Amino acid sequence: MPKLVTLLNGPNLNLLGLRQPEIYGRETLDDVAASVADLGEELGLAVRAMQSNHEGQLVDWIHAARGTSAAIIINPGAYSHTSVAILDALNAYDGVVMEVHISQIHKREVFRHHSYISHRADGVIVGCGTEGYLLALRRIASLLKA
């Protein structure tokens, strides 16, 4: 049975492909989820993808991943810069955590340069577009084999 990876996307990522395509590209979140699931299958990993605009829902999903998922890929969106609650939930999770940002947050507004989530992440992928999700999954596969 393949190990499960939980893919979490935060606020406004449901608008991927429509919102600021010059920054985030034209791929939709469904396109990303399909690509990650396809790669997961190649790597022997199952992927469960979810998105919410609500901080508490993301916290609940992180809690649900405890004991069920070997890893979490999270793009917390704007919650990266504000959510101690998501950080605390991730700190209570024992698996691998990879943080993904589609844009190069360090070239954007100063408030986007800090991520609370990075304090828990085993790896952070920034500015690689939606390919960052695939890079995160490849890294997870490598860490889970080790």
N, C-alpha and C. Protein backbone atom coordinates (compact mmCIF):
# COMPACT_ATOMS: atom_id res chain seq x y z
N MET A 1 0.84 -1.19 0.00
CA MET A 1 0.00 0.00 0.00
C MET A 1 0.88 1.25 0.00
N PRO A 2 0.62 2.19 -0.91
CA PRO A 2 1.47 3.39 -0.99
C PRO A 2 1.34 4.26 0.25
N LYS A 3 2.43 4.93 0.59
CA LYS A 3 2.39 5.89 1.69
C LYS A 3 1.60 7.10 1.22
N LEU A 4 0.87 7.71 2.15
CA LEU A 4 0.01 8.85 1.82
C LEU A 4 0.74 10.16 2.06
N VAL A 5 0.59 11.07 1.11
CA VAL A 5 1.08 12.44 1.22
C VAL A 5 -0.14 13.35 1.16
N THR A 6 -0.29 14.20 2.15
CA THR A 6 -1.37 15.18 2.17
C THR A 6 -0.87 16.47 1.55
N LEU A 7 -1.56 16.94 0.53
CA LEU A 7 -1.23 18.18 -0.17
C LEU A 7 -2.26 19.24 0.24
N LEU A 8 -1.79 20.26 0.95
CA LEU A 8 -2.68 21.31 1.44
C LEU A 8 -2.36 22.64 0.78
N ASN A 9 -3.39 23.30 0.32
CA ASN A 9 -3.26 24.63 -0.26
C ASN A 9 -4.17 25.58 0.49
N GLY A 10 -3.63 26.76 0.80
CA GLY A 10 -4.34 27.75 1.58
C GLY A 10 -5.13 28.74 0.76
N PRO A 11 -5.39 29.90 1.38
CA PRO A 11 -6.33 30.87 0.82
C PRO A 11 -5.93 31.38 -0.56
N ASN A 12 -6.94 31.54 -1.37
CA ASN A 12 -6.87 32.12 -2.71
C ASN A 12 -6.23 31.20 -3.75
N LEU A 13 -5.69 30.07 -3.32
CA LEU A 13 -5.10 29.17 -4.30
C LEU A 13 -6.16 28.45 -5.13
N ASN A 14 -7.41 28.49 -4.70
CA ASN A 14 -8.50 28.01 -5.53
C ASN A 14 -8.65 28.84 -6.79
N LEU A 15 -8.07 30.03 -6.80
CA LEU A 15 -8.12 30.92 -7.97
C LEU A 15 -6.89 30.79 -8.86
N LEU A 16 -6.05 29.80 -8.57
CA LEU A 16 -4.85 29.59 -9.37
C LEU A 16 -5.22 29.46 -10.84
N GLY A 17 -4.48 30.13 -11.69
CA GLY A 17 -4.78 30.15 -13.12
C GLY A 17 -5.58 31.38 -13.52
N LEU A 18 -6.28 31.96 -12.56
CA LEU A 18 -7.10 33.15 -12.82
C LEU A 18 -6.54 34.39 -12.12
N ARG A 19 -6.08 34.21 -10.90
CA ARG A 19 -5.58 35.31 -10.07
C ARG A 19 -4.12 35.60 -10.40
N GLN A 20 -3.83 36.80 -10.84
CA GLN A 20 -2.48 37.26 -11.12
C GLN A 20 -1.64 36.21 -11.88
N PRO A 21 -2.07 35.82 -13.07
CA PRO A 21 -1.33 34.80 -13.81
C PRO A 21 0.11 35.22 -14.13
N GLU A 22 0.39 36.50 -14.12
CA GLU A 22 1.76 36.96 -14.35
C GLU A 22 2.67 36.58 -13.19
N ILE A 23 2.10 36.33 -12.02
CA ILE A 23 2.88 35.89 -10.85
C ILE A 23 2.76 34.38 -10.67
N TYR A 24 1.53 33.86 -10.76
CA TYR A 24 1.26 32.47 -10.38
C TYR A 24 1.10 31.52 -11.56
N GLY A 25 1.08 32.03 -12.78
CA GLY A 25 0.95 31.16 -13.94
C GLY A 25 -0.50 30.89 -14.30
N ARG A 26 -0.70 30.05 -15.30
CA ARG A 26 -2.05 29.78 -15.82
C ARG A 26 -2.57 28.40 -15.44
N GLU A 27 -1.74 27.57 -14.82
CA GLU A 27 -2.21 26.26 -14.37
C GLU A 27 -3.23 26.43 -13.26
N THR A 28 -4.26 25.60 -13.27
CA THR A 28 -5.25 25.63 -12.20
C THR A 28 -4.79 24.73 -11.06
N LEU A 29 -5.47 24.86 -9.93
CA LEU A 29 -5.15 23.99 -8.80
C LEU A 29 -5.47 22.54 -9.12
N ASP A 30 -6.52 22.31 -9.91
CA ASP A 30 -6.83 20.95 -10.35
C ASP A 30 -5.70 20.38 -11.21
N ASP A 31 -5.11 21.23 -12.08
CA ASP A 31 -3.96 20.79 -12.89
C ASP A 31 -2.80 20.38 -11.98
N VAL A 32 -2.54 21.20 -10.98
CA VAL A 32 -1.44 20.91 -10.04
C VAL A 32 -1.71 19.60 -9.30
N ALA A 33 -2.92 19.45 -8.78
CA ALA A 33 -3.26 18.23 -8.03
C ALA A 33 -3.10 16.99 -8.90
N ALA A 34 -3.52 17.09 -10.16
CA ALA A 34 -3.39 15.94 -11.07
C ALA A 34 -1.93 15.62 -11.34
N SER A 35 -1.11 16.64 -11.55
CA SER A 35 0.33 16.43 -11.81
C SER A 35 1.01 15.79 -10.61
N VAL A 36 0.67 16.27 -9.43
CA VAL A 36 1.28 15.74 -8.21
C VAL A 36 0.82 14.29 -7.99
N ALA A 37 -0.45 14.02 -8.22
CA ALA A 37 -0.96 12.65 -8.07
C ALA A 37 -0.29 11.70 -9.07
N ASP A 38 -0.12 12.16 -10.32
CA ASP A 38 0.55 11.33 -11.33
C ASP A 38 1.98 11.02 -10.93
N LEU A 39 2.71 12.03 -10.47
CA LEU A 39 4.09 11.80 -10.03
C LEU A 39 4.10 10.91 -8.80
N GLY A 40 3.16 11.12 -7.90
CA GLY A 40 3.06 10.27 -6.72
C GLY A 40 2.93 8.82 -7.08
N GLU A 41 2.09 8.54 -8.06
CA GLU A 41 1.91 7.16 -8.52
C GLU A 41 3.23 6.58 -9.02
N GLU A 42 3.98 7.37 -9.79
CA GLU A 42 5.30 6.92 -10.28
C GLU A 42 6.25 6.63 -9.13
N LEU A 43 6.14 7.41 -8.06
CA LEU A 43 7.06 7.29 -6.92
C LEU A 43 6.55 6.33 -5.85
N GLY A 44 5.39 5.74 -6.08
CA GLY A 44 4.82 4.83 -5.10
C GLY A 44 4.18 5.53 -3.91
N LEU A 45 3.69 6.74 -4.14
CA LEU A 45 3.05 7.52 -3.08
C LEU A 45 1.63 7.88 -3.50
N ALA A 46 0.71 7.81 -2.57
CA ALA A 46 -0.65 8.27 -2.81
C ALA A 46 -0.73 9.73 -2.35
N VAL A 47 -1.49 10.53 -3.07
CA VAL A 47 -1.61 11.95 -2.74
C VAL A 47 -3.08 12.31 -2.53
N ARG A 48 -3.34 12.97 -1.42
CA ARG A 48 -4.68 13.50 -1.14
C ARG A 48 -4.56 15.02 -1.13
N ALA A 49 -5.21 15.69 -2.10
CA ALA A 49 -5.11 17.14 -2.25
C ALA A 49 -6.36 17.84 -1.73
N MET A 50 -6.13 18.92 -0.98
CA MET A 50 -7.23 19.70 -0.42
C MET A 50 -6.85 21.18 -0.42
N GLN A 51 -7.85 22.04 -0.49
CA GLN A 51 -7.64 23.48 -0.45
C GLN A 51 -8.71 24.10 0.42
N SER A 52 -8.32 25.10 1.21
CA SER A 52 -9.29 25.85 1.99
C SER A 52 -8.83 27.29 2.14
N ASN A 53 -9.81 28.18 2.18
CA ASN A 53 -9.54 29.58 2.48
C ASN A 53 -9.63 29.86 3.98
N HIS A 54 -9.86 28.81 4.77
CA HIS A 54 -10.09 28.97 6.21
C HIS A 54 -8.98 28.34 7.03
N GLU A 55 -8.37 29.14 7.87
CA GLU A 55 -7.24 28.70 8.68
C GLU A 55 -7.58 27.49 9.54
N GLY A 56 -8.73 27.52 10.21
CA GLY A 56 -9.12 26.41 11.08
C GLY A 56 -9.28 25.10 10.33
N GLN A 57 -9.77 25.17 9.09
CA GLN A 57 -9.90 23.96 8.29
C GLN A 57 -8.53 23.36 7.98
N LEU A 58 -7.56 24.20 7.65
CA LEU A 58 -6.21 23.72 7.40
C LEU A 58 -5.62 23.07 8.66
N VAL A 59 -5.86 23.69 9.82
CA VAL A 59 -5.40 23.11 11.08
C VAL A 59 -6.04 21.74 11.29
N ASP A 60 -7.35 21.64 11.04
CA ASP A 60 -8.04 20.35 11.20
C ASP A 60 -7.46 19.29 10.28
N TRP A 61 -7.15 19.66 9.05
CA TRP A 61 -6.58 18.69 8.11
C TRP A 61 -5.17 18.26 8.53
N ILE A 62 -4.41 19.18 9.08
CA ILE A 62 -3.08 18.81 9.59
C ILE A 62 -3.24 17.82 10.75
N HIS A 63 -4.18 18.09 11.64
CA HIS A 63 -4.43 17.15 12.74
C HIS A 63 -4.84 15.79 12.20
N ALA A 64 -5.68 15.77 11.18
CA ALA A 64 -6.14 14.50 10.58
C ALA A 64 -5.00 13.74 9.93
N ALA A 65 -3.97 14.45 9.49
CA ALA A 65 -2.82 13.80 8.85
C ALA A 65 -1.94 13.05 9.85
N ARG A 66 -2.09 13.39 11.13
CA ARG A 66 -1.32 12.69 12.16
C ARG A 66 -1.74 11.23 12.16
N GLY A 67 -0.80 10.36 12.00
CA GLY A 67 -1.08 8.93 12.03
C GLY A 67 -1.61 8.35 10.74
N THR A 68 -1.87 9.20 9.74
CA THR A 68 -2.38 8.69 8.47
C THR A 68 -1.47 9.02 7.29
N SER A 69 -0.79 10.15 7.36
CA SER A 69 0.04 10.61 6.25
C SER A 69 1.51 10.59 6.63
N ALA A 70 2.33 10.13 5.70
CA ALA A 70 3.77 10.11 5.91
C ALA A 70 4.39 11.49 5.74
N ALA A 71 3.67 12.36 5.01
CA ALA A 71 4.22 13.68 4.72
C ALA A 71 3.09 14.65 4.39
N ILE A 72 3.41 15.93 4.54
CA ILE A 72 2.53 17.01 4.15
C ILE A 72 3.30 17.95 3.23
N ILE A 73 2.69 18.28 2.11
CA ILE A 73 3.15 19.39 1.28
C ILE A 73 2.15 20.50 1.54
N ILE A 74 2.64 21.66 1.94
CA ILE A 74 1.72 22.76 2.23
C ILE A 74 2.16 24.05 1.55
N ASN A 75 1.21 24.64 0.85
CA ASN A 75 1.35 26.00 0.37
C ASN A 75 0.32 26.79 1.17
N PRO A 76 0.75 27.40 2.26
CA PRO A 76 -0.20 28.06 3.14
C PRO A 76 -0.67 29.41 2.63
N GLY A 77 -0.17 29.85 1.46
CA GLY A 77 -0.56 31.15 0.95
C GLY A 77 -0.23 32.23 1.97
N ALA A 78 -1.12 33.19 2.10
CA ALA A 78 -0.89 34.32 3.00
C ALA A 78 -0.76 33.89 4.46
N TYR A 79 -1.29 32.72 4.81
CA TYR A 79 -1.14 32.25 6.19
C TYR A 79 0.31 31.97 6.55
N SER A 80 1.17 31.84 5.57
CA SER A 80 2.61 31.66 5.83
C SER A 80 3.13 32.75 6.74
N HIS A 81 2.63 33.95 6.52
CA HIS A 81 3.18 35.15 7.15
C HIS A 81 2.44 35.54 8.42
N THR A 82 1.36 34.79 8.74
CA THR A 82 0.52 35.22 9.87
C THR A 82 0.12 34.11 10.83
N SER A 83 0.21 32.86 10.45
CA SER A 83 -0.47 31.81 11.22
C SER A 83 0.44 31.02 12.15
N VAL A 84 0.40 31.41 13.41
CA VAL A 84 1.04 30.61 14.45
C VAL A 84 0.22 29.34 14.67
N ALA A 85 -1.09 29.41 14.44
CA ALA A 85 -1.96 28.23 14.61
C ALA A 85 -1.56 27.11 13.66
N ILE A 86 -1.28 27.43 12.41
CA ILE A 86 -0.83 26.40 11.46
C ILE A 86 0.54 25.89 11.86
N LEU A 87 1.43 26.76 12.28
CA LEU A 87 2.74 26.33 12.77
C LEU A 87 2.59 25.38 13.94
N ASP A 88 1.75 25.72 14.90
CA ASP A 88 1.55 24.85 16.07
C ASP A 88 1.00 23.49 15.65
N ALA A 89 0.07 23.47 14.71
CA ALA A 89 -0.48 22.19 14.23
C ALA A 89 0.62 21.37 13.57
N LEU A 90 1.45 22.00 12.75
CA LEU A 90 2.55 21.29 12.10
C LEU A 90 3.57 20.79 13.12
N ASN A 91 3.77 21.55 14.18
CA ASN A 91 4.70 21.11 15.23
C ASN A 91 4.20 19.87 15.96
N ALA A 92 2.89 19.61 15.91
CA ALA A 92 2.31 18.42 16.53
C ALA A 92 2.25 17.25 15.56
N TYR A 93 2.76 17.43 14.35
CA TYR A 93 2.76 16.41 13.30
C TYR A 93 4.16 15.82 13.21
N ASP A 94 4.27 14.49 13.15
CA ASP A 94 5.57 13.83 13.19
C ASP A 94 6.19 13.52 11.83
N GLY A 95 5.46 13.68 10.74
CA GLY A 95 5.98 13.32 9.43
C GLY A 95 6.79 14.43 8.79
N VAL A 96 7.14 14.21 7.54
CA VAL A 96 7.90 15.18 6.74
C VAL A 96 6.97 16.32 6.34
N VAL A 97 7.46 17.55 6.41
CA VAL A 97 6.71 18.72 5.97
C VAL A 97 7.53 19.50 4.96
N MET A 98 6.94 19.69 3.79
CA MET A 98 7.56 20.52 2.75
C MET A 98 6.68 21.73 2.49
N GLU A 99 7.27 22.90 2.53
CA GLU A 99 6.55 24.15 2.28
C GLU A 99 6.84 24.59 0.85
N VAL A 100 5.78 24.98 0.14
CA VAL A 100 5.91 25.39 -1.26
C VAL A 100 5.30 26.77 -1.44
N HIS A 101 6.02 27.60 -2.18
CA HIS A 101 5.49 28.89 -2.63
C HIS A 101 5.74 28.99 -4.13
N ILE A 102 4.70 29.25 -4.87
CA ILE A 102 4.79 29.33 -6.33
C ILE A 102 5.65 30.51 -6.74
N SER A 103 5.41 31.65 -6.12
CA SER A 103 6.16 32.86 -6.47
C SER A 103 7.45 32.95 -5.65
N GLN A 104 8.33 33.83 -6.08
CA GLN A 104 9.56 34.09 -5.34
C GLN A 104 9.22 35.15 -4.29
N ILE A 105 8.81 34.67 -3.11
CA ILE A 105 8.30 35.57 -2.07
C ILE A 105 9.34 36.59 -1.61
N HIS A 106 10.61 36.32 -1.80
CA HIS A 106 11.66 37.23 -1.36
C HIS A 106 11.87 38.39 -2.33
N LYS A 107 11.21 38.33 -3.49
CA LYS A 107 11.23 39.44 -4.44
C LYS A 107 9.94 40.25 -4.38
N ARG A 108 9.11 39.92 -3.42
CA ARG A 108 7.81 40.58 -3.30
C ARG A 108 7.81 41.51 -2.08
N GLU A 109 6.65 41.89 -1.62
CA GLU A 109 6.54 42.81 -0.48
C GLU A 109 7.31 42.25 0.72
N VAL A 110 7.86 43.15 1.51
CA VAL A 110 8.70 42.77 2.64
C VAL A 110 7.96 41.85 3.60
N PHE A 111 6.67 42.08 3.84
CA PHE A 111 5.94 41.24 4.80
C PHE A 111 5.87 39.79 4.35
N ARG A 112 6.08 39.51 3.07
CA ARG A 112 6.05 38.13 2.58
C ARG A 112 7.39 37.40 2.77
N HIS A 113 8.40 38.09 3.21
CA HIS A 113 9.73 37.49 3.35
C HIS A 113 9.82 36.54 4.54
N HIS A 114 8.96 36.67 5.51
CA HIS A 114 8.98 35.79 6.69
C HIS A 114 7.85 34.78 6.62
N SER A 115 8.16 33.54 6.90
CA SER A 115 7.15 32.48 6.98
C SER A 115 7.26 31.78 8.31
N TYR A 116 6.17 31.79 9.06
CA TYR A 116 6.12 31.01 10.30
C TYR A 116 6.26 29.52 10.01
N ILE A 117 5.71 29.09 8.89
CA ILE A 117 5.68 27.67 8.53
C ILE A 117 7.10 27.13 8.33
N SER A 118 7.99 27.97 7.85
CA SER A 118 9.38 27.55 7.60
C SER A 118 10.08 27.07 8.86
N HIS A 119 9.61 27.52 10.01
CA HIS A 119 10.22 27.07 11.27
C HIS A 119 10.02 25.58 11.51
N ARG A 120 9.01 24.99 10.86
CA ARG A 120 8.75 23.55 11.02
C ARG A 120 9.11 22.75 9.77
N ALA A 121 9.13 23.39 8.63
CA ALA A 121 9.32 22.68 7.37
C ALA A 121 10.68 21.98 7.30
N ASP A 122 10.67 20.79 6.74
CA ASP A 122 11.91 20.06 6.47
C ASP A 122 12.57 20.55 5.19
N GLY A 123 11.83 21.28 4.39
CA GLY A 123 12.33 21.88 3.17
C GLY A 123 11.37 22.95 2.71
N VAL A 124 11.91 23.96 2.03
CA VAL A 124 11.09 25.06 1.52
C VAL A 124 11.47 25.26 0.06
N ILE A 125 10.46 25.25 -0.80
CA ILE A 125 10.68 25.46 -2.23
C ILE A 125 9.94 26.74 -2.62
N VAL A 126 10.70 27.70 -3.12
CA VAL A 126 10.19 29.04 -3.38
C VAL A 126 10.55 29.45 -4.80
N GLY A 127 9.57 30.00 -5.51
CA GLY A 127 9.84 30.65 -6.79
C GLY A 127 10.03 29.72 -7.97
N CYS A 128 9.63 28.47 -7.85
CA CYS A 128 9.78 27.52 -8.96
C CYS A 128 8.46 27.29 -9.69
N GLY A 129 7.50 28.18 -9.49
CA GLY A 129 6.20 28.01 -10.11
C GLY A 129 5.53 26.77 -9.56
N THR A 130 4.58 26.25 -10.31
CA THR A 130 3.87 25.06 -9.84
C THR A 130 4.76 23.82 -9.86
N GLU A 131 5.89 23.89 -10.54
CA GLU A 131 6.84 22.78 -10.51
C GLU A 131 7.36 22.55 -9.09
N GLY A 132 7.26 23.56 -8.24
CA GLY A 132 7.69 23.43 -6.85
C GLY A 132 6.99 22.30 -6.12
N TYR A 133 5.73 22.05 -6.46
CA TYR A 133 5.00 20.95 -5.83
C TYR A 133 5.63 19.60 -6.21
N LEU A 134 6.03 19.47 -7.46
CA LEU A 134 6.66 18.22 -7.91
C LEU A 134 8.03 18.05 -7.27
N LEU A 135 8.77 19.14 -7.16
CA LEU A 135 10.07 19.08 -6.48
C LEU A 135 9.89 18.66 -5.03
N ALA A 136 8.86 19.19 -4.38
CA ALA A 136 8.58 18.82 -2.98
C ALA A 136 8.27 17.34 -2.87
N LEU A 137 7.48 16.82 -3.79
CA LEU A 137 7.12 15.41 -3.74
C LEU A 137 8.34 14.52 -3.98
N ARG A 138 9.19 14.92 -4.90
CA ARG A 138 10.43 14.15 -5.15
C ARG A 138 11.31 14.14 -3.90
N ARG A 139 11.39 15.26 -3.22
CA ARG A 139 12.19 15.33 -1.99
C ARG A 139 11.59 14.44 -0.90
N ILE A 140 10.27 14.47 -0.79
CA ILE A 140 9.60 13.60 0.18
C ILE A 140 9.90 12.15 -0.10
N ALA A 141 9.81 11.76 -1.37
CA ALA A 141 10.09 10.36 -1.73
C ALA A 141 11.52 10.00 -1.32
N SER A 142 12.44 10.89 -1.54
CA SER A 142 13.84 10.65 -1.16
C SER A 142 13.98 10.53 0.37
N LEU A 143 13.34 11.41 1.10
CA LEU A 143 13.44 11.37 2.57
C LEU A 143 12.77 10.12 3.13
N LEU A 144 11.67 9.70 2.55
CA LEU A 144 10.97 8.52 3.06
C LEU A 144 11.74 7.23 2.78
N LYS A 145 12.55 7.22 1.73
CA LYS A 145 13.38 6.05 1.43
C LYS A 145 14.57 5.94 2.36
N ALA A 146 15.06 7.09 2.83
CA ALA A 146 16.26 7.15 3.67
C ALA A 146 16.04 6.53 5.04
